[in-house]
């Protein structure tokens, strides 16, 4: 962070952000130089950041950039996605995309789809709208390779959700409704991302 601060002061970069960082790391980094954003996985079925990371960012005035807001595609295509993954697609190795977990998780997808039909939008738009409704400091970055999907993602901005609808969606994807870890190796996520204190490695 000290080196990144120098780059900002030299005008070589404008902002500094972190990805998959723990609350402790965010605080320590922000104390060296203000962070503009923290990028974390956040979707209807990946919500482990809400207890610690979101409050920390909001306390410090840091924007939140959710990646994979559509559950790596599952919240837009459901079980069909898994069937069509290429053999070298990294998602094939992810716990939630394993056959036994897909069979369980498809029920969650079906419930979200049923609600989307009532709202007059697609399942993907509803799931993305849920992320948009988390606050003005949240800017999701859904990945897409197709123009029509891009337009669909933009259309999610028009989907309005009431507090009751938000709660209903969350009940569909509660901990007991989703099987499998969100990442192929949880050891690389913020849950295990605390960097050691400077005093523990800096030479005297």
Protein backbone atom coordinates (compact mmCIF):
# COMPACT_ATOMS: atom_id res chain seq x y z
CA UNK A 1 0.00 0.00 0.00
CA UNK A 2 2.91 2.30 0.65
CA UNK A 3 4.16 1.77 -2.90
CA UNK A 4 0.67 2.26 -4.33
CA UNK A 5 0.39 5.49 -2.37
CA UNK A 6 3.62 6.68 -4.01
CA UNK A 7 2.19 5.88 -7.46
CA UNK A 8 -0.89 7.98 -6.70
CA UNK A 9 1.31 10.87 -5.51
CA UNK A 10 3.36 10.57 -8.72
CA UNK A 11 0.20 10.72 -10.80
CA UNK A 12 0.78 7.28 -12.32
CA UNK A 13 -2.46 5.86 -10.94
CA UNK A 14 -5.54 7.62 -9.66
CA UNK A 15 -7.27 5.19 -7.31
CA UNK A 16 -6.46 2.14 -5.21
CA UNK A 17 -8.71 -0.83 -4.55
CA UNK A 18 -8.52 -4.33 -3.11
CA UNK A 19 -10.12 -7.65 -3.99
CA UNK A 20 -11.15 -10.49 -1.63
CA UNK A 21 -9.62 -8.69 1.36
CA UNK A 22 -10.59 -9.27 4.99
CA UNK A 23 -12.04 -6.49 7.14
CA UNK A 24 -8.74 -6.26 9.02
CA UNK A 25 -6.74 -5.93 5.82
CA UNK A 26 -9.15 -3.30 4.48
CA UNK A 27 -8.73 -1.21 7.63
CA UNK A 28 -4.94 -1.50 7.60
CA UNK A 29 -4.69 -0.65 3.91
CA UNK A 30 -7.11 2.27 4.19
CA UNK A 31 -5.03 3.72 7.01
CA UNK A 32 -2.04 3.92 4.65
CA UNK A 33 -3.98 5.37 1.71
CA UNK A 34 -7.74 5.76 1.20
CA UNK A 35 -9.26 2.88 -0.73
CA UNK A 36 -11.75 3.74 -3.44
CA UNK A 37 -13.30 0.31 -3.85
CA UNK A 38 -13.22 -3.27 -2.64
CA UNK A 39 -14.12 -6.01 -5.11
CA UNK A 40 -15.82 -9.06 -3.63
CA UNK A 41 -18.04 -11.87 -4.82
CA UNK A 42 -21.60 -10.91 -3.92
CA UNK A 43 -24.79 -12.37 -5.28
CA UNK A 44 -28.07 -13.75 -4.05
CA UNK A 45 -26.33 -17.03 -3.19
CA UNK A 46 -22.89 -15.69 -2.16
CA UNK A 47 -23.39 -13.48 0.86
CA UNK A 48 -20.50 -14.22 3.22
CA UNK A 49 -19.27 -10.63 3.00
CA UNK A 50 -22.39 -9.06 4.53
CA UNK A 51 -21.51 -9.53 8.18
CA UNK A 52 -18.02 -7.99 8.22
CA UNK A 53 -16.93 -6.61 4.85
CA UNK A 54 -19.96 -4.51 3.93
CA UNK A 55 -20.18 -2.72 7.32
CA UNK A 56 -16.43 -2.07 7.27
CA UNK A 57 -16.54 -0.56 3.78
CA UNK A 58 -19.51 1.62 4.67
CA UNK A 59 -17.90 2.83 7.86
CA UNK A 60 -14.82 3.89 5.90
CA UNK A 61 -16.67 5.23 2.85
CA UNK A 62 -15.33 2.61 0.44
CA UNK A 63 -17.33 1.55 -2.60
CA UNK A 64 -18.23 -2.11 -3.06
CA UNK A 65 -17.78 -3.78 -6.47
CA UNK A 66 -19.52 -7.19 -6.53
CA UNK A 67 -18.08 -9.64 -9.04
CA UNK A 68 -20.10 -12.67 -10.19
CA UNK A 69 -23.39 -11.00 -9.19
CA UNK A 70 -25.20 -13.66 -11.22
CA UNK A 71 -23.64 -16.57 -9.36
CA UNK A 72 -21.13 -17.27 -12.14
CA UNK A 73 -24.04 -17.66 -14.53
CA UNK A 74 -26.16 -20.06 -12.49
CA UNK A 75 -28.64 -17.33 -11.56
CA UNK A 76 -29.24 -16.58 -15.23
CA UNK A 77 -29.24 -20.07 -16.76
CA UNK A 78 -29.76 -22.48 -13.89
CA UNK A 79 -28.85 -26.18 -14.28
CA UNK A 80 -28.70 -25.79 -18.06
CA UNK A 81 -25.52 -23.78 -17.62
CA UNK A 82 -23.67 -26.71 -16.10
CA UNK A 83 -24.72 -29.01 -18.92
CA UNK A 84 -23.24 -26.64 -21.50
CA UNK A 85 -19.90 -25.81 -19.87
CA UNK A 86 -16.84 -26.61 -21.95
CA UNK A 87 -14.42 -29.15 -20.52
CA UNK A 88 -11.84 -26.45 -19.74
CA UNK A 89 -14.33 -24.11 -18.00
CA UNK A 90 -13.09 -23.52 -14.44
CA UNK A 91 -16.65 -23.63 -13.12
CA UNK A 92 -16.73 -27.37 -13.72
CA UNK A 93 -14.46 -27.72 -10.69
CA UNK A 94 -16.45 -25.46 -8.40
CA UNK A 95 -18.38 -27.15 -5.57
CA UNK A 96 -21.73 -25.58 -6.42
CA UNK A 97 -21.53 -26.87 -9.97
CA UNK A 98 -21.04 -30.49 -8.97
CA UNK A 99 -23.98 -32.76 -9.95
CA UNK A 100 -25.16 -33.50 -6.41
CA UNK A 101 -25.17 -29.79 -5.49
CA UNK A 102 -26.73 -28.66 -8.77
CA UNK A 103 -29.62 -31.03 -8.15
CA UNK A 104 -30.22 -29.32 -4.80
CA UNK A 105 -29.56 -25.75 -5.98
CA UNK A 106 -31.88 -25.93 -8.96
CA UNK A 107 -34.83 -25.60 -6.57
CA UNK A 108 -33.52 -22.21 -5.51
CA UNK A 109 -33.18 -21.19 -9.14
CA UNK A 110 -36.75 -22.31 -9.85
CA UNK A 111 -38.12 -20.20 -7.01
CA UNK A 112 -36.27 -17.12 -8.22
CA UNK A 113 -37.54 -17.80 -11.74
CA UNK A 114 -41.13 -18.04 -10.50
CA UNK A 115 -40.80 -14.67 -8.80
CA UNK A 116 -39.21 -13.17 -11.91
CA UNK A 117 -42.18 -14.28 -14.00
CA UNK A 118 -44.51 -12.51 -11.59
CA UNK A 119 -42.35 -9.38 -11.81
CA UNK A 120 -42.27 -9.49 -15.61
CA UNK A 121 -38.50 -9.77 -15.88
CA UNK A 122 -35.91 -12.48 -16.45
CA UNK A 123 -34.36 -14.52 -13.65
CA UNK A 124 -31.02 -12.85 -14.32
CA UNK A 125 -32.54 -9.38 -14.11
CA UNK A 126 -34.19 -10.18 -10.80
CA UNK A 127 -30.99 -11.59 -9.31
CA UNK A 128 -28.99 -8.60 -10.54
CA UNK A 129 -31.63 -6.16 -9.30
CA UNK A 130 -31.25 -7.67 -5.85
CA UNK A 131 -27.56 -6.71 -5.90
CA UNK A 132 -28.35 -3.21 -7.22
CA UNK A 133 -30.75 -2.72 -4.33
CA UNK A 134 -28.00 -3.21 -1.77
CA UNK A 135 -27.16 0.50 -1.92
CA UNK A 136 -25.83 3.40 -3.94
CA UNK A 137 -22.30 2.45 -2.91
CA UNK A 138 -22.62 -0.89 -4.72
CA UNK A 139 -21.64 -1.27 -8.37
CA UNK A 140 -21.86 -4.87 -9.63
CA UNK A 141 -19.82 -6.03 -12.61
CA UNK A 142 -21.67 -8.85 -14.36
CA UNK A 143 -19.53 -10.50 -16.99
CA UNK A 144 -21.01 -11.12 -20.42
CA UNK A 145 -19.81 -12.13 -23.86
CA UNK A 146 -23.08 -11.53 -25.69
CA UNK A 147 -24.64 -8.23 -26.67
CA UNK A 148 -28.15 -9.38 -25.83
CA UNK A 149 -27.04 -10.34 -22.32
CA UNK A 150 -25.48 -6.92 -21.88
CA UNK A 151 -28.82 -5.28 -22.73
CA UNK A 152 -30.58 -7.64 -20.35
CA UNK A 153 -28.20 -6.67 -17.57
CA UNK A 154 -28.88 -2.98 -18.16
CA UNK A 155 -32.61 -3.75 -18.01
CA UNK A 156 -32.15 -4.96 -14.45
CA UNK A 157 -31.89 -1.30 -13.42
CA UNK A 158 -35.60 -0.94 -14.17
CA UNK A 159 -36.61 -3.76 -11.81
CA UNK A 160 -37.81 -2.31 -8.52
CA UNK A 161 -37.96 -4.43 -5.38
CA UNK A 162 -39.78 -3.79 -2.12
CA UNK A 163 -38.21 -4.72 1.23
CA UNK A 164 -40.60 -7.67 1.42
CA UNK A 165 -39.53 -8.87 -2.04
CA UNK A 166 -35.87 -8.52 -1.06
CA UNK A 167 -36.49 -10.64 2.02
CA UNK A 168 -38.40 -13.22 0.00
CA UNK A 169 -35.53 -13.55 -2.47
CA UNK A 170 -33.06 -13.95 0.36
CA UNK A 171 -35.16 -16.74 1.85
CA UNK A 172 -34.85 -18.64 -1.44
CA UNK A 173 -31.07 -18.57 -1.19
CA UNK A 174 -30.55 -18.95 2.55
CA UNK A 175 -27.64 -21.06 3.79
CA UNK A 176 -29.70 -24.24 3.96
CA UNK A 177 -31.08 -23.64 0.46
CA UNK A 178 -27.67 -23.52 -1.25
CA UNK A 179 -25.20 -26.39 -1.30
CA UNK A 180 -21.50 -26.16 -2.06
CA UNK A 181 -18.83 -23.54 -1.35
CA UNK A 182 -18.81 -20.49 -3.60
CA UNK A 183 -15.17 -20.92 -4.59
CA UNK A 184 -13.09 -23.86 -5.71
CA UNK A 185 -10.57 -22.98 -2.99
CA UNK A 186 -12.02 -21.00 -0.11
CA UNK A 187 -8.49 -20.59 1.27
CA UNK A 188 -7.91 -17.94 -1.42
CA UNK A 189 -10.91 -15.84 -0.37
CA UNK A 190 -11.14 -13.01 2.14
CA UNK A 191 -11.99 -15.47 4.91
CA UNK A 192 -8.33 -16.51 4.96
CA UNK A 193 -6.76 -13.38 3.51
CA UNK A 194 -5.41 -11.60 6.58
CA UNK A 195 -1.92 -10.35 5.86
CA UNK A 196 0.55 -10.64 8.75
CA UNK A 197 1.23 -7.52 10.83
CA UNK A 198 4.14 -5.47 9.53
CA UNK A 199 5.95 -5.94 12.85
CA UNK A 200 6.04 -9.69 12.29
CA UNK A 201 8.27 -9.55 9.20
CA UNK A 202 9.87 -6.12 8.93
CA UNK A 203 13.57 -6.12 9.71
CA UNK A 204 14.67 -4.07 12.70
